[in-house]
């Protein structure tokens, strides 16, 4: 159960970072989102 919660937190964080960066640096947003999920 802890693992699922951890993945959900990472997923939410990645989405937030992606949406925030998409407006500023679109080319970096996807890579950063992926790095958060993979971390």
PDB file of N, CA and C in Angstrom:
ATOM      1  N   UNK A   1       0.831  -1.216   0.000  1.00  0.00           N
ATOM      2  CA  UNK A   1       0.000   0.000   0.000  1.00  0.00           C
ATOM      3  C   UNK A   1       0.862   1.262   0.000  1.00  0.00           C
ATOM      4  N   UNK A   2       1.974   1.188   0.728  1.00  0.00           N
ATOM      5  CA  UNK A   2       2.878   2.347   0.779  1.00  0.00           C
ATOM      6  C   UNK A   2       3.436   2.661  -0.600  1.00  0.00           C
ATOM      7  N   UNK A   3       3.739   1.600  -1.346  1.00  0.00           N
ATOM      8  CA  UNK A   3       4.313   1.770  -2.680  1.00  0.00           C
ATOM      9  C   UNK A   3       3.349   2.522  -3.603  1.00  0.00           C
ATOM     10  N   UNK A   4       2.069   2.172  -3.531  1.00  0.00           N
ATOM     11  CA  UNK A   4       1.062   2.818  -4.381  1.00  0.00           C
ATOM     12  C   UNK A   4       0.940   4.299  -4.035  1.00  0.00           C
ATOM     13  N   UNK A   5       0.934   4.587  -2.740  1.00  0.00           N
ATOM     14  CA  UNK A   5       0.843   5.984  -2.295  1.00  0.00           C
ATOM     15  C   UNK A   5       2.053   6.778  -2.782  1.00  0.00           C
ATOM     16  N   UNK A   6       3.223   6.151  -2.671  1.00  0.00           N
ATOM     17  CA  UNK A   6       4.459   6.798  -3.117  1.00  0.00           C
ATOM     18  C   UNK A   6       4.410   7.109  -4.608  1.00  0.00           C
ATOM     19  N   UNK A   7       3.907   6.152  -5.391  1.00  0.00           N
ATOM     20  CA  UNK A   7       3.792   6.357  -6.837  1.00  0.00           C
ATOM     21  C   UNK A   7       2.794   7.469  -7.156  1.00  0.00           C
ATOM     22  N   UNK A   8       1.689   7.511  -6.417  1.00  0.00           N
ATOM     23  CA  UNK A   8       0.680   8.553  -6.646  1.00  0.00           C
ATOM     24  C   UNK A   8       1.242   9.932  -6.350  1.00  0.00           C
ATOM     25  N   UNK A   9       2.007  10.042  -5.261  1.00  0.00           N
ATOM     26  CA  UNK A   9       2.624  11.327  -4.915  1.00  0.00           C
ATOM     27  C   UNK A   9       3.584  11.768  -6.010  1.00  0.00           C
ATOM     28  N   UNK A  10       4.383  10.834  -6.500  1.00  0.00           N
ATOM     29  CA  UNK A  10       5.327  11.158  -7.581  1.00  0.00           C
ATOM     30  C   UNK A  10       4.581  11.566  -8.844  1.00  0.00           C
ATOM     31  N   UNK A  11       3.494  10.880  -9.136  1.00  0.00           N
ATOM     32  CA  UNK A  11       2.725  11.171 -10.335  1.00  0.00           C
ATOM     33  C   UNK A  11       2.108  12.569 -10.252  1.00  0.00           C
ATOM     34  N   UNK A  12       1.531  12.888  -9.106  1.00  0.00           N
ATOM     35  CA  UNK A  12       0.950  14.217  -8.902  1.00  0.00           C
ATOM     36  C   UNK A  12       2.027  15.294  -9.002  1.00  0.00           C
ATOM     37  N   UNK A  13       3.170  15.044  -8.368  1.00  0.00           N
ATOM     38  CA  UNK A  13       4.268  16.000  -8.423  1.00  0.00           C
ATOM     39  C   UNK A  13       4.731  16.216  -9.862  1.00  0.00           C
ATOM     40  N   UNK A  14       4.834  15.132 -10.618  1.00  0.00           N
ATOM     41  CA  UNK A  14       5.272  15.219 -12.006  1.00  0.00           C
ATOM     42  C   UNK A  14       4.283  16.018 -12.844  1.00  0.00           C
ATOM     43  N   UNK A  15       2.987  15.799 -12.607  1.00  0.00           N
ATOM     44  CA  UNK A  15       1.959  16.525 -13.350  1.00  0.00           C
ATOM     45  C   UNK A  15       2.003  18.014 -13.021  1.00  0.00           C
ATOM     46  N   UNK A  16       2.145  18.332 -11.739  1.00  0.00           N
ATOM     47  CA  UNK A  16       2.216  19.740 -11.318  1.00  0.00           C
ATOM     48  C   UNK A  16       3.422  20.433 -11.947  1.00  0.00           C
ATOM     49  N   UNK A  17       4.581  19.765 -11.866  1.00  0.00           N
ATOM     50  CA  UNK A  17       5.805  20.332 -12.453  1.00  0.00           C
ATOM     51  C   UNK A  17       5.651  20.493 -13.956  1.00  0.00           C
ATOM     52  N   UNK A  18       5.052  19.479 -14.590  1.00  0.00           N
ATOM     53  CA  UNK A  18       4.859  19.528 -16.033  1.00  0.00           C
ATOM     54  C   UNK A  18       3.983  20.701 -16.438  1.00  0.00           C
ATOM     55  N   UNK A  19       2.855  20.852 -15.769  1.00  0.00           N
ATOM     56  CA  UNK A  19       1.918  21.930 -16.105  1.00  0.00           C
ATOM     57  C   UNK A  19       2.543  23.297 -15.852  1.00  0.00           C
ATOM     58  N   UNK A  20       3.330  23.402 -14.759  1.00  0.00           N
ATOM     59  CA  UNK A  20       3.956  24.677 -14.422  1.00  0.00           C
ATOM     60  C   UNK A  20       5.036  25.039 -15.432  1.00  0.00           C
ATOM     61  N   UNK A  21       5.880  24.050 -15.784  1.00  0.00           N
ATOM     62  CA  UNK A  21       6.994  24.317 -16.703  1.00  0.00           C
ATOM     63  C   UNK A  21       6.549  24.441 -18.153  1.00  0.00           C
ATOM     64  N   UNK A  22       5.406  23.836 -18.480  1.00  0.00           N
ATOM     65  CA  UNK A  22       4.942  23.837 -19.873  1.00  0.00           C
ATOM     66  C   UNK A  22       4.797  25.272 -20.390  1.00  0.00           C
ATOM     67  N   UNK A  23       4.404  26.160 -19.494  1.00  0.00           N
ATOM     68  CA  UNK A  23       4.229  27.564 -19.873  1.00  0.00           C
ATOM     69  C   UNK A  23       5.566  28.279 -20.037  1.00  0.00           C
ATOM     70  N   UNK A  24       6.594  27.838 -19.282  1.00  0.00           N
ATOM     71  CA  UNK A  24       7.877  28.522 -19.275  1.00  0.00           C
ATOM     72  C   UNK A  24       8.896  27.850 -20.198  1.00  0.00           C
ATOM     73  N   UNK A  25       9.111  26.537 -19.988  1.00  0.00           N
ATOM     74  CA  UNK A  25      10.122  25.816 -20.761  1.00  0.00           C
ATOM     75  C   UNK A  25       9.553  24.476 -21.204  1.00  0.00           C
ATOM     76  N   UNK A  26       8.755  24.461 -22.254  1.00  0.00           N
ATOM     77  CA  UNK A  26       8.080  23.234 -22.698  1.00  0.00           C
ATOM     78  C   UNK A  26       9.037  22.083 -22.981  1.00  0.00           C
ATOM     79  N   UNK A  27      10.215  22.396 -23.506  1.00  0.00           N
ATOM     80  CA  UNK A  27      11.141  21.332 -23.902  1.00  0.00           C
ATOM     81  C   UNK A  27      11.732  20.614 -22.682  1.00  0.00           C
ATOM     82  N   UNK A  28      11.738  21.295 -21.520  1.00  0.00           N
ATOM     83  CA  UNK A  28      12.300  20.688 -20.317  1.00  0.00           C
ATOM     84  C   UNK A  28      11.232  19.999 -19.474  1.00  0.00           C
ATOM     85  N   UNK A  29       9.982  20.369 -19.675  1.00  0.00           N
ATOM     86  CA  UNK A  29       8.895  19.885 -18.816  1.00  0.00           C
ATOM     87  C   UNK A  29       8.755  18.369 -18.848  1.00  0.00           C
ATOM     88  N   UNK A  30       8.773  17.794 -20.046  1.00  0.00           N
ATOM     89  CA  UNK A  30       8.572  16.345 -20.173  1.00  0.00           C
ATOM     90  C   UNK A  30       9.731  15.577 -19.530  1.00  0.00           C
ATOM     91  N   UNK A  31      10.943  16.008 -19.787  1.00  0.00           N
ATOM     92  CA  UNK A  31      12.110  15.317 -19.238  1.00  0.00           C
ATOM     93  C   UNK A  31      12.114  15.370 -17.714  1.00  0.00           C
ATOM     94  N   UNK A  32      11.740  16.527 -17.160  1.00  0.00           N
ATOM     95  CA  UNK A  32      11.726  16.666 -15.707  1.00  0.00           C
ATOM     96  C   UNK A  32      10.621  15.817 -15.093  1.00  0.00           C
ATOM     97  N   UNK A  33       9.459  15.795 -15.739  1.00  0.00           N
ATOM     98  CA  UNK A  33       8.347  14.971 -15.251  1.00  0.00           C
ATOM     99  C   UNK A  33       8.738  13.496 -15.237  1.00  0.00           C
ATOM    100  N   UNK A  34       9.399  13.056 -16.305  1.00  0.00           N
ATOM    101  CA  UNK A  34       9.843  11.662 -16.384  1.00  0.00           C
ATOM    102  C   UNK A  34      10.872  11.359 -15.303  1.00  0.00           C
ATOM    103  N   UNK A  35      11.776  12.305 -15.053  1.00  0.00           N
ATOM    104  CA  UNK A  35      12.815  12.077 -14.040  1.00  0.00           C
ATOM    105  C   UNK A  35      12.208  11.974 -12.645  1.00  0.00           C
ATOM    106  N   UNK A  36      11.140  12.728 -12.399  1.00  0.00           N
ATOM    107  CA  UNK A  36      10.467  12.650 -11.093  1.00  0.00           C
ATOM    108  C   UNK A  36       9.812  11.286 -10.920  1.00  0.00           C
ATOM    109  N   UNK A  37       9.144  10.804 -11.961  1.00  0.00           N
ATOM    110  CA  UNK A  37       8.468   9.517 -11.880  1.00  0.00           C
ATOM    111  C   UNK A  37       9.479   8.381 -11.715  1.00  0.00           C
ATOM    112  N   UNK A  38      10.613   8.482 -12.416  1.00  0.00           N
ATOM    113  CA  UNK A  38      11.628   7.432 -12.362  1.00  0.00           C
ATOM    114  C   UNK A  38      12.427   7.440 -11.061  1.00  0.00           C
ATOM    115  N   UNK A  39      12.470   8.570 -10.394  1.00  0.00           N
ATOM    116  CA  UNK A  39      13.282   8.722  -9.180  1.00  0.00           C
ATOM    117  C   UNK A  39      12.846   7.748  -8.090  1.00  0.00           C
TER     118      UNK A  39
END
